[in-house]
PDB file of all heavy atoms in Angstrom:
ATOM      1  N   ASN A   1      12.157  -9.032  16.654  1.00  0.00           N
ATOM      2  CA  ASN A   1      13.496  -8.600  16.286  1.00  0.00           C
ATOM      3  C   ASN A   1      13.685  -7.198  16.841  1.00  0.00           C
ATOM      4  O   ASN A   1      13.233  -6.240  16.157  1.00  0.00           O
ATOM      5  CB  ASN A   1      13.635  -8.572  14.617  1.00  0.00           C
ATOM      6  CG  ASN A   1      14.965  -7.971  14.286  1.00  0.00           C
ATOM      7  OD1 ASN A   1      15.954  -8.026  14.952  1.00  0.00           O
ATOM      8  ND2 ASN A   1      15.131  -7.807  12.867  1.00  0.00           N
ATOM      9  N   PRO A   2      14.472  -6.994  17.882  1.00  0.00           N
ATOM     10  CA  PRO A   2      14.602  -5.702  18.416  1.00  0.00           C
ATOM     11  C   PRO A   2      15.378  -4.707  17.560  1.00  0.00           C
ATOM     12  O   PRO A   2      15.188  -3.552  17.759  1.00  0.00           O
ATOM     13  CB  PRO A   2      15.550  -5.890  19.832  1.00  0.00           C
ATOM     14  CG  PRO A   2      15.270  -7.503  19.996  1.00  0.00           C
ATOM     15  CD  PRO A   2      15.067  -8.047  18.721  1.00  0.00           C
ATOM     16  N   GLU A   3      15.994  -5.265  16.440  1.00  0.00           N
ATOM     17  CA  GLU A   3      16.682  -4.248  15.645  1.00  0.00           C
ATOM     18  C   GLU A   3      16.051  -4.155  14.253  1.00  0.00           C
ATOM     19  O   GLU A   3      16.667  -3.856  13.207  1.00  0.00           O
ATOM     20  CB  GLU A   3      18.167  -4.826  15.436  1.00  0.00           C
ATOM     21  CG  GLU A   3      18.961  -4.779  16.685  1.00  0.00           C
ATOM     22  CD  GLU A   3      20.433  -5.312  16.465  1.00  0.00           C
ATOM     23  OE1 GLU A   3      20.728  -5.611  15.408  1.00  0.00           O
ATOM     24  OE2 GLU A   3      21.191  -5.332  17.513  1.00  0.00           O
ATOM     25  N   HIS A   4      14.776  -4.572  14.238  1.00  0.00           N
ATOM     26  CA  HIS A   4      14.019  -4.435  12.863  1.00  0.00           C
ATOM     27  C   HIS A   4      14.073  -3.042  12.427  1.00  0.00           C
ATOM     28  O   HIS A   4      13.817  -2.082  12.987  1.00  0.00           O
ATOM     29  CB  HIS A   4      12.472  -4.742  13.319  1.00  0.00           C
ATOM     30  CG  HIS A   4      11.683  -5.141  12.079  1.00  0.00           C
ATOM     31  ND1 HIS A   4      11.536  -4.174  11.004  1.00  0.00           N
ATOM     32  CD2 HIS A   4      11.158  -6.289  11.648  1.00  0.00           C
ATOM     33  CE1 HIS A   4      10.779  -4.811  10.019  1.00  0.00           C
ATOM     34  NE2 HIS A   4      10.487  -6.046  10.380  1.00  0.00           N
ATOM     35  N   PRO A   5      14.444  -2.888  11.067  1.00  0.00           N
ATOM     36  CA  PRO A   5      14.720  -1.715  10.360  1.00  0.00           C
ATOM     37  C   PRO A   5      13.511  -0.779  10.478  1.00  0.00           C
ATOM     38  O   PRO A   5      13.598   0.365  10.241  1.00  0.00           O
ATOM     39  CB  PRO A   5      15.160  -2.011   9.173  1.00  0.00           C
ATOM     40  CG  PRO A   5      14.849  -3.518   8.864  1.00  0.00           C
ATOM     41  CD  PRO A   5      14.865  -4.164  10.236  1.00  0.00           C
ATOM     42  N   TRP A   6      12.122  -1.292  10.417  1.00  0.00           N
ATOM     43  CA  TRP A   6      11.074  -0.487  10.444  1.00  0.00           C
ATOM     44  C   TRP A   6      10.809   0.221  11.621  1.00  0.00           C
ATOM     45  O   TRP A   6       9.995   1.134  11.672  1.00  0.00           O
ATOM     46  CB  TRP A   6       9.904  -1.443  10.006  1.00  0.00           C
ATOM     47  CG  TRP A   6      10.005  -2.014   8.641  1.00  0.00           C
ATOM     48  CD1 TRP A   6      10.798  -1.750   7.803  1.00  0.00           C
ATOM     49  CD2 TRP A   6       8.923  -2.824   8.099  1.00  0.00           C
ATOM     50  NE1 TRP A   6      10.404  -2.369   6.605  1.00  0.00           N
ATOM     51  CE2 TRP A   6       9.275  -3.130   6.753  1.00  0.00           C
ATOM     52  CE3 TRP A   6       7.721  -3.446   8.543  1.00  0.00           C
ATOM     53  CZ2 TRP A   6       8.602  -3.927   5.854  1.00  0.00           C
ATOM     54  CZ3 TRP A   6       6.968  -4.193   7.581  1.00  0.00           C
ATOM     55  CH2 TRP A   6       7.472  -4.443   6.385  1.00  0.00           C
ATOM     56  N   LEU A   7      11.466  -0.245  12.705  1.00  0.00           N
ATOM     57  CA  LEU A   7      11.056   0.438  14.068  1.00  0.00           C
ATOM     58  C   LEU A   7      11.487   1.814  14.089  1.00  0.00           C
ATOM     59  O   LEU A   7      10.925   2.658  14.901  1.00  0.00           O
ATOM     60  CB  LEU A   7      11.750  -0.393  15.128  1.00  0.00           C
ATOM     61  CG  LEU A   7      11.304  -1.781  15.362  1.00  0.00           C
ATOM     62  CD1 LEU A   7      12.188  -2.494  16.519  1.00  0.00           C
ATOM     63  CD2 LEU A   7       9.828  -1.766  15.782  1.00  0.00           C
ATOM     64  N   ALA A   8      12.512   2.236  13.325  1.00  0.00           N
ATOM     65  CA  ALA A   8      12.990   3.590  13.317  1.00  0.00           C
ATOM     66  C   ALA A   8      12.124   4.550  12.338  1.00  0.00           C
ATOM     67  O   ALA A   8      12.500   5.630  12.329  1.00  0.00           O
ATOM     68  CB  ALA A   8      14.463   3.661  12.860  1.00  0.00           C
ATOM     69  N   LEU A   9      11.218   3.920  11.668  1.00  0.00           N
ATOM     70  CA  LEU A   9      10.504   4.640  10.595  1.00  0.00           C
ATOM     71  C   LEU A   9       9.196   5.199  11.269  1.00  0.00           C
ATOM     72  O   LEU A   9       8.665   4.862  12.216  1.00  0.00           O
ATOM     73  CB  LEU A   9      10.150   3.829   9.506  1.00  0.00           C
ATOM     74  CG  LEU A   9      11.204   2.994   8.728  1.00  0.00           C
ATOM     75  CD1 LEU A   9      10.584   2.045   7.637  1.00  0.00           C
ATOM     76  CD2 LEU A   9      12.084   4.080   8.008  1.00  0.00           C
ATOM     77  N   GLY A  10       8.738   6.388  10.620  1.00  0.00           N
ATOM     78  CA  GLY A  10       7.396   6.921  11.005  1.00  0.00           C
ATOM     79  C   GLY A  10       6.256   6.015  10.414  1.00  0.00           C
ATOM     80  O   GLY A  10       6.498   5.102   9.580  1.00  0.00           O
ATOM     81  N   ASP A  11       5.119   6.208  10.868  1.00  0.00           N
ATOM     82  CA  ASP A  11       3.977   5.398  10.456  1.00  0.00           C
ATOM     83  C   ASP A  11       3.801   5.259   9.073  1.00  0.00           C
ATOM     84  O   ASP A  11       3.676   4.190   8.502  1.00  0.00           O
ATOM     85  CB  ASP A  11       2.752   5.863  11.174  1.00  0.00           C
ATOM     86  CG  ASP A  11       2.818   5.711  12.662  1.00  0.00           C
ATOM     87  OD1 ASP A  11       3.629   5.063  13.251  1.00  0.00           O
ATOM     88  OD2 ASP A  11       1.896   6.417  13.350  1.00  0.00           O
ATOM     89  N   GLN A  12       3.828   6.449   8.387  1.00  0.00           N
ATOM     90  CA  GLN A  12       3.545   6.438   6.909  1.00  0.00           C
ATOM     91  C   GLN A  12       4.766   5.917   6.162  1.00  0.00           C
ATOM     92  O   GLN A  12       4.660   5.135   5.039  1.00  0.00           O
ATOM     93  CB  GLN A  12       3.287   7.948   6.449  1.00  0.00           C
ATOM     94  CG  GLN A  12       2.001   8.408   6.981  1.00  0.00           C
ATOM     95  CD  GLN A  12       1.718   9.808   6.476  1.00  0.00           C
ATOM     96  OE1 GLN A  12       1.545  10.032   5.309  1.00  0.00           O
ATOM     97  NE2 GLN A  12       1.541  10.761   7.335  1.00  0.00           N
ATOM     98  N   GLN A  13       5.927   6.055   6.583  1.00  0.00           N
ATOM     99  CA  GLN A  13       7.072   5.483   6.046  1.00  0.00           C
ATOM    100  C   GLN A  13       7.059   3.859   6.159  1.00  0.00           C
ATOM    101  O   GLN A  13       7.383   3.084   5.219  1.00  0.00           O
ATOM    102  CB  GLN A  13       8.336   5.981   6.732  1.00  0.00           C
ATOM    103  CG  GLN A  13       8.788   7.421   6.425  1.00  0.00           C
ATOM    104  CD  GLN A  13       9.919   7.816   7.126  1.00  0.00           C
ATOM    105  OE1 GLN A  13       9.984   7.649   8.404  1.00  0.00           O
ATOM    106  NE2 GLN A  13      10.933   8.380   6.467  1.00  0.00           N
ATOM    107  N   MET A  14       6.570   3.501   7.312  1.00  0.00           N
ATOM    108  CA  MET A  14       6.411   2.027   7.499  1.00  0.00           C
ATOM    109  C   MET A  14       5.565   1.378   6.484  1.00  0.00           C
ATOM    110  O   MET A  14       5.714   0.337   5.851  1.00  0.00           O
ATOM    111  CB  MET A  14       6.020   1.643   9.013  1.00  0.00           C
ATOM    112  CG  MET A  14       5.778   0.212   9.127  1.00  0.00           C
ATOM    113  SD  MET A  14       4.939  -0.175  10.750  1.00  0.00           S
ATOM    114  CE  MET A  14       6.128   0.537  11.973  1.00  0.00           C
ATOM    115  N   LEU A  15       4.306   2.061   6.383  1.00  0.00           N
ATOM    116  CA  LEU A  15       3.286   1.513   5.367  1.00  0.00           C
ATOM    117  C   LEU A  15       3.936   1.491   3.913  1.00  0.00           C
ATOM    118  O   LEU A  15       3.671   0.561   3.229  1.00  0.00           O
ATOM    119  CB  LEU A  15       2.094   2.422   5.347  1.00  0.00           C
ATOM    120  CG  LEU A  15       1.378   2.447   6.696  1.00  0.00           C
ATOM    121  CD1 LEU A  15       0.217   3.529   6.738  1.00  0.00           C
ATOM    122  CD2 LEU A  15       0.719   1.088   7.056  1.00  0.00           C
ATOM    123  N   ALA A  16       4.651   2.516   3.630  1.00  0.00           N
ATOM    124  CA  ALA A  16       5.243   2.530   2.294  1.00  0.00           C
ATOM    125  C   ALA A  16       6.276   1.326   2.152  1.00  0.00           C
ATOM    126  O   ALA A  16       6.337   0.790   1.077  1.00  0.00           O
ATOM    127  CB  ALA A  16       5.933   3.919   2.066  1.00  0.00           C
ATOM    128  N   LYS A  17       7.152   1.181   3.136  1.00  0.00           N
ATOM    129  CA  LYS A  17       8.119   0.065   3.074  1.00  0.00           C
ATOM    130  C   LYS A  17       7.562  -1.322   3.028  1.00  0.00           C
ATOM    131  O   LYS A  17       8.047  -2.213   2.406  1.00  0.00           O
ATOM    132  CB  LYS A  17       9.023   0.142   4.429  1.00  0.00           C
ATOM    133  CG  LYS A  17      10.088   1.246   4.391  1.00  0.00           C
ATOM    134  CD  LYS A  17      11.181   1.031   3.318  1.00  0.00           C
ATOM    135  CE  LYS A  17      12.285   2.061   3.359  1.00  0.00           C
ATOM    136  NZ  LYS A  17      13.366   1.775   2.303  1.00  0.00           N
ATOM    137  N   ALA A  18       6.372  -1.399   3.714  1.00  0.00           N
ATOM    138  CA  ALA A  18       5.604  -2.665   3.581  1.00  0.00           C
ATOM    139  C   ALA A  18       4.805  -2.935   2.328  1.00  0.00           C
ATOM    140  O   ALA A  18       4.162  -3.989   2.245  1.00  0.00           O
ATOM    141  CB  ALA A  18       4.588  -2.781   4.822  1.00  0.00           C
ATOM    142  N   GLY A  19       4.863  -1.951   1.399  1.00  0.00           N
ATOM    143  CA  GLY A  19       4.174  -2.124   0.092  1.00  0.00           C
ATOM    144  C   GLY A  19       2.668  -1.776   0.279  1.00  0.00           C
ATOM    145  O   GLY A  19       1.971  -2.088  -0.678  1.00  0.00           O
ATOM    146  N   LEU A  20       2.292  -1.147   1.255  1.00  0.00           N
ATOM    147  CA  LEU A  20       0.873  -0.861   1.509  1.00  0.00           C
ATOM    148  C   LEU A  20       0.500   0.526   0.962  1.00  0.00           C
ATOM    149  O   LEU A  20      -0.682   0.982   0.973  1.00  0.00           O
ATOM    150  CB  LEU A  20       0.468  -0.969   3.003  1.00  0.00           C
ATOM    151  CG  LEU A  20       0.736  -2.160   3.770  1.00  0.00           C
ATOM    152  CD1 LEU A  20       0.486  -2.107   5.225  1.00  0.00           C
ATOM    153  CD2 LEU A  20       0.158  -3.369   2.992  1.00  0.00           C
ATOM    154  N   PHE A  21       1.551   1.359   0.558  1.00  0.00           N
ATOM    155  CA  PHE A  21       1.226   2.641  -0.225  1.00  0.00           C
ATOM    156  C   PHE A  21       2.054   2.467  -1.411  1.00  0.00           C
ATOM    157  O   PHE A  21       3.293   2.187  -1.335  1.00  0.00           O
ATOM    158  CB  PHE A  21       1.615   3.856   0.632  1.00  0.00           C
ATOM    159  CG  PHE A  21       1.377   5.080  -0.067  1.00  0.00           C
ATOM    160  CD1 PHE A  21       0.246   5.780   0.119  1.00  0.00           C
ATOM    161  CD2 PHE A  21       2.421   5.632  -0.834  1.00  0.00           C
ATOM    162  CE1 PHE A  21       0.117   6.970  -0.525  1.00  0.00           C
ATOM    163  CE2 PHE A  21       2.215   6.838  -1.568  1.00  0.00           C
ATOM    164  CZ  PHE A  21       0.966   7.528  -1.304  1.00  0.00           C
ATOM    165  N   LYS A  22       1.545   2.733  -2.593  1.00  0.00           N
ATOM    166  CA  LYS A  22       2.239   2.468  -3.852  1.00  0.00           C
ATOM    167  C   LYS A  22       1.828   3.456  -4.978  1.00  0.00           C
ATOM    168  O   LYS A  22       0.760   4.042  -4.791  1.00  0.00           O
ATOM    169  CB  LYS A  22       2.152   0.963  -4.239  1.00  0.00           C
ATOM    170  CG  LYS A  22       0.822   0.532  -4.799  1.00  0.00           C
ATOM    171  CD  LYS A  22       0.904  -0.795  -5.299  1.00  0.00           C
ATOM    172  CE  LYS A  22      -0.428  -1.271  -6.074  1.00  0.00           C
ATOM    173  NZ  LYS A  22      -0.330  -2.587  -6.560  1.00  0.00           N
ATOM    174  N   ARG A  23       2.574   3.203  -6.033  1.00  0.00           N
ATOM    175  CA  ARG A  23       2.344   4.138  -7.218  1.00  0.00           C
ATOM    176  C   ARG A  23       1.888   3.066  -8.400  1.00  0.00           C
ATOM    177  O   ARG A  23       2.452   2.038  -8.495  1.00  0.00           O
ATOM    178  CB  ARG A  23       3.405   4.948  -7.645  1.00  0.00           C
ATOM    179  CG  ARG A  23       3.166   5.800  -8.984  1.00  0.00           C
ATOM    180  CD  ARG A  23       4.486   6.384  -9.545  1.00  0.00           C
ATOM    181  NE  ARG A  23       5.045   7.219  -8.512  1.00  0.00           N
ATOM    182  CZ  ARG A  23       6.274   7.283  -8.160  1.00  0.00           C
ATOM    183  NH1 ARG A  23       7.166   6.322  -8.693  1.00  0.00           N
ATOM    184  NH2 ARG A  23       6.810   8.255  -7.350  1.00  0.00           N
ATOM    185  N   ASP A  24       0.816   3.353  -9.142  1.00  0.00           N
ATOM    186  CA  ASP A  24       0.485   2.644 -10.304  1.00  0.00           C
ATOM    187  C   ASP A  24       1.338   3.217 -11.422  1.00  0.00           C
ATOM    188  O   ASP A  24       1.145   4.389 -11.826  1.00  0.00           O
ATOM    189  CB  ASP A  24      -1.043   2.906 -10.609  1.00  0.00           C
ATOM    190  CG  ASP A  24      -1.466   1.957 -11.685  1.00  0.00           C
ATOM    191  OD1 ASP A  24      -0.804   1.794 -12.648  1.00  0.00           O
ATOM    192  OD2 ASP A  24      -2.594   1.527 -11.576  1.00  0.00           O
ATOM    193  N   TYR A  25       2.198   2.411 -11.963  1.00  0.00           N
ATOM    194  CA  TYR A  25       3.106   2.880 -12.944  1.00  0.00           C
ATOM    195  C   TYR A  25       2.484   3.120 -14.291  1.00  0.00           C
ATOM    196  O   TYR A  25       3.157   3.636 -15.206  1.00  0.00           O
ATOM    197  CB  TYR A  25       4.391   1.870 -12.989  1.00  0.00           C
ATOM    198  CG  TYR A  25       5.194   2.016 -11.810  1.00  0.00           C
ATOM    199  CD1 TYR A  25       5.273   1.066 -10.722  1.00  0.00           C
ATOM    200  CD2 TYR A  25       6.246   2.918 -11.813  1.00  0.00           C
ATOM    201  CE1 TYR A  25       5.967   1.202  -9.683  1.00  0.00           C
ATOM    202  CE2 TYR A  25       7.236   3.172 -10.803  1.00  0.00           C
ATOM    203  CZ  TYR A  25       6.937   2.196  -9.646  1.00  0.00           C
ATOM    204  OH  TYR A  25       7.840   2.348  -8.512  1.00  0.00           O
ATOM    205  N   GLN A  26       1.286   2.622 -14.514  1.00  0.00           N
ATOM    206  CA  GLN A  26       0.656   2.813 -15.752  1.00  0.00           C
ATOM    207  C   GLN A  26      -0.046   4.138 -15.775  1.00  0.00           C
ATOM    208  O   GLN A  26      -0.121   4.849 -16.739  1.00  0.00           O
ATOM    209  CB  GLN A  26      -0.301   1.616 -15.988  1.00  0.00           C
ATOM    210  CG  GLN A  26       0.361   0.349 -16.449  1.00  0.00           C
ATOM    211  CD  GLN A  26      -0.651  -0.577 -16.985  1.00  0.00           C
ATOM    212  OE1 GLN A  26      -1.623  -0.772 -16.412  1.00  0.00           O
ATOM    213  NE2 GLN A  26      -0.243  -1.339 -18.048  1.00  0.00           N
TER     214      GLN A  26
END
């Protein structure tokens, strides 16, 4: 997908969007 929204993100932003960096709400 040439217009994939993650392509404009930085590396760490991409990881956060992908759910690979998260917060434990407890």
